[in-house]
């Protein structure tokens, strides 16, 4: 995908499984959090910043870095993923931030 990614690319895939291409991890997209732009930002920012939050199993943590993920039955995306603090011991959460 060569176009700039927006939150709209991911909203249809909330609650779907994303598999790491060439890897063993399968992560569920749980939310797409969009920060509304201030009035002054609308003139200089190409898109509203957003964050993707994924849920995965505990223990086998996906390393921080660039990963290509494929939606089951859908497109693939490449972006920077990082594990984040997850108080619930039954899962590991991840985020991908788009500024």
Protein backbone atom coordinates (compact mmCIF):
# COMPACT_ATOMS: atom_id res chain seq x y z
CA UNK A 1 0.00 0.00 0.00
CA UNK A 2 1.66 3.24 -1.11
CA UNK A 3 -0.98 5.75 -0.04
CA UNK A 4 -0.87 7.37 3.40
CA UNK A 5 -2.74 5.23 5.91
CA UNK A 6 -5.69 6.75 7.74
CA UNK A 7 -7.97 5.51 10.49
CA UNK A 8 -10.56 4.70 7.81
CA UNK A 9 -8.29 1.96 6.45
CA UNK A 10 -8.56 0.13 9.79
CA UNK A 11 -12.06 0.82 11.10
CA UNK A 12 -13.64 -2.01 9.05
CA UNK A 13 -11.13 -4.43 10.61
CA UNK A 14 -11.87 -3.85 14.31
CA UNK A 15 -12.27 -7.25 16.04
CA UNK A 16 -10.52 -9.02 13.16
CA UNK A 17 -7.33 -11.06 13.44
CA UNK A 18 -4.12 -9.71 11.94
CA UNK A 19 -1.37 -12.27 11.31
CA UNK A 20 2.29 -11.30 11.22
CA UNK A 21 3.56 -12.26 7.77
CA UNK A 22 6.39 -14.76 8.12
CA UNK A 23 5.77 -15.07 11.85
CA UNK A 24 3.68 -16.95 14.35
CA UNK A 25 1.78 -14.10 16.01
CA UNK A 26 -1.93 -13.44 15.54
CA UNK A 27 -3.26 -10.21 17.02
CA UNK A 28 -6.81 -8.89 17.22
CA UNK A 29 -7.41 -5.24 16.42
CA UNK A 30 -9.46 -4.01 19.39
CA UNK A 31 -9.71 -0.27 18.72
CA UNK A 32 -8.83 2.62 16.44
CA UNK A 33 -8.37 5.72 18.58
CA UNK A 34 -8.49 9.00 16.63
CA UNK A 35 -7.41 12.32 18.11
CA UNK A 36 -9.54 15.16 16.75
CA UNK A 37 -7.57 17.98 15.16
CA UNK A 38 -7.58 21.46 16.62
CA UNK A 39 -8.81 24.13 14.22
CA UNK A 40 -5.29 25.44 13.54
CA UNK A 41 -4.00 21.90 12.84
CA UNK A 42 -6.46 21.34 10.01
CA UNK A 43 -4.39 23.64 7.80
CA UNK A 44 -1.04 21.94 8.40
CA UNK A 45 -1.69 18.30 9.36
CA UNK A 46 -2.43 15.88 6.49
CA UNK A 47 -4.64 13.59 8.60
CA UNK A 48 -5.85 13.25 12.19
CA UNK A 49 -3.35 11.25 14.30
CA UNK A 50 -4.60 7.82 15.35
CA UNK A 51 -3.50 4.80 17.31
CA UNK A 52 -4.29 1.15 16.69
CA UNK A 53 -4.61 -1.10 19.74
CA UNK A 54 -4.16 -4.85 19.31
CA UNK A 55 -4.62 -7.75 21.73
CA UNK A 56 -2.50 -10.88 21.68
CA UNK A 57 -1.83 -13.86 23.92
CA UNK A 58 0.37 -13.42 27.00
CA UNK A 59 3.94 -14.64 27.17
CA UNK A 60 4.97 -14.84 23.53
CA UNK A 61 5.55 -11.12 22.98
CA UNK A 62 6.00 -9.77 19.46
CA UNK A 63 9.21 -7.72 19.35
CA UNK A 64 8.94 -3.98 18.84
CA UNK A 65 9.64 -2.92 15.27
CA UNK A 66 8.32 -2.83 11.73
CA UNK A 67 6.04 -5.74 10.89
CA UNK A 68 3.85 -6.64 7.97
CA UNK A 69 0.42 -7.76 9.16
CA UNK A 70 -2.26 -9.40 7.09
CA UNK A 71 -5.96 -9.22 7.90
CA UNK A 72 -7.73 -12.56 7.61
CA UNK A 73 -9.49 -12.40 4.25
CA UNK A 74 -8.32 -8.86 3.62
CA UNK A 75 -5.40 -6.54 2.90
CA UNK A 76 -1.96 -6.38 4.47
CA UNK A 77 -0.30 -3.39 6.11
CA UNK A 78 3.26 -2.65 7.21
CA UNK A 79 3.84 -0.41 10.22
CA UNK A 80 5.75 -0.02 13.48
CA UNK A 81 4.29 -2.06 16.35
CA UNK A 82 5.24 -1.99 20.01
CA UNK A 83 4.11 -3.98 23.02
CA UNK A 84 2.57 -1.77 25.71
CA UNK A 85 2.00 -2.14 29.43
CA UNK A 86 -0.91 -4.55 29.91
CA UNK A 87 -2.15 -4.95 33.52
CA UNK A 88 -4.39 -7.89 32.58
CA UNK A 89 -2.21 -11.04 32.78
CA UNK A 90 -4.48 -12.92 30.35
CA UNK A 91 -3.25 -10.94 27.33
CA UNK A 92 -0.55 -8.71 25.85
CA UNK A 93 -1.56 -5.43 24.19
CA UNK A 94 0.26 -3.63 21.38
CA UNK A 95 -0.02 -0.25 19.72
CA UNK A 96 0.81 1.28 16.40
CA UNK A 97 0.77 5.10 16.41
CA UNK A 98 0.25 7.21 13.30
CA UNK A 99 1.14 10.89 13.74
